[in-house]
């Protein structure tokens, strides 16, 4: 009886049966190599992909490209090493090894060594070790040095170099300048305070010594009525900064403003690091009375003004915009129409809104998401479309951090089974298909 394999649904080959029953198995080329015994003809048969053939009858000789039968090589044939059709046995390999105690039958040790070239700067090969005397001489270009030779060289010269004394080595280094690397001399406190030397270098101790322990009140900074900064004669600002008045000195460590401060290079309050161009950095340990108001918000609101956007089913699709309602920081461009970029690092909020047109059936889900840098989903809003009417879905992502040139996209998804459509808006109705990004800190 013919049985089927329950897992793969193909006939199982019986280990013996009549030749007639074996021919009724409906085997294919993929069953090639199966073997069975024909009880009525007393033959071992194998399936060659199209018919049953007698084992040992039509089985091909084995080759480098086809499985088949082989003949075993004798010890003599194994030692000769000339046949490409015989198969070697362990006994034959042992006989080959016994016939040559060096385990190779082509070279003696001397011949093998002679075949290896001498090593050079361009060729790998054999080398000769240098003696301690040859290492000390330092003239050979073909010998190799050993740790023992290096130790002997060091013992022969307690300075660990055989060309220069310490004084000679120092004299060989040029003096440093604005164009040449070299040795320098450290400045004294007096030289640092004088500020005239061009060949000595300042140390941290010089800098501390150059600042008076108790700054004079006159060393504060004030601006006159024309907005010019009044700088003390010695150039040191021991007091505070007073802007917009010629009144009394500002208290030490404070900035008092009765007029605006323009700081294109940035302003860092409570810290010493570079804040970056046009950036105000306020450390957590700096107290600010009142509030800081920016002259303009950083962000954008963009929308799709012409042509609806078709959204394929089962595909996460980024909304593509073609118009701006506002953009105060060059966040969006038509060259990257789906992306809203952060041009300044900080904390942001983002969102978008969509209106899905009617006429596209019912009974499927719709999702709208805020996605960062193409992979991080910050917020989502989903709705089930139960009626064939237009529906509006909006999404907002709360505070999140963005580095410079990070970006967000408004992406959508639905399960209708075929395309759905989001309507285009206008400058008065950008809510049909829009995205927005706003920096809040």
Foldseek 3Di string as FASTA:
>chain_A
DWDADPPPGATDQDQEEAQVVNVPRPDAQVQFFDWHAHPVVRFIWGHHGPGIDGQVPPFDQDAPVDDGDAAADDLVRLLVPDDRGHHYDPVSQVSNCVVPVVSDDPDDPVRVLVVFDQDAPVDDGDAAADDLVRLLVPDDRGHDYDPVSLVSNCVVPVVSDDPDDPVRVLVVFDQDAPVDDGDAAADDLVCLLVVDDRGHDYDPVSVVSNDDPQDDLVQAWEADCVFHIDHDPSRHRQAYYETNYPDGGHGRLDYHYPDDDDDQQEDERPDDDRQGGPYYHYDPPGDDDDDDDDPDWAKFKFFAADDWDKDWAPDKFFDFTDGTLDHDHCQDDNVCRFKGFDQAWAKKKKKAKAKWAFPLDFFKKKKKFKAKQPHRTQWMDMDHGHDRHIDMDMIMGDIDTDHGGIIITIIMHMHSVGMTIQDGDHSVCRRNTMMMMTGDD
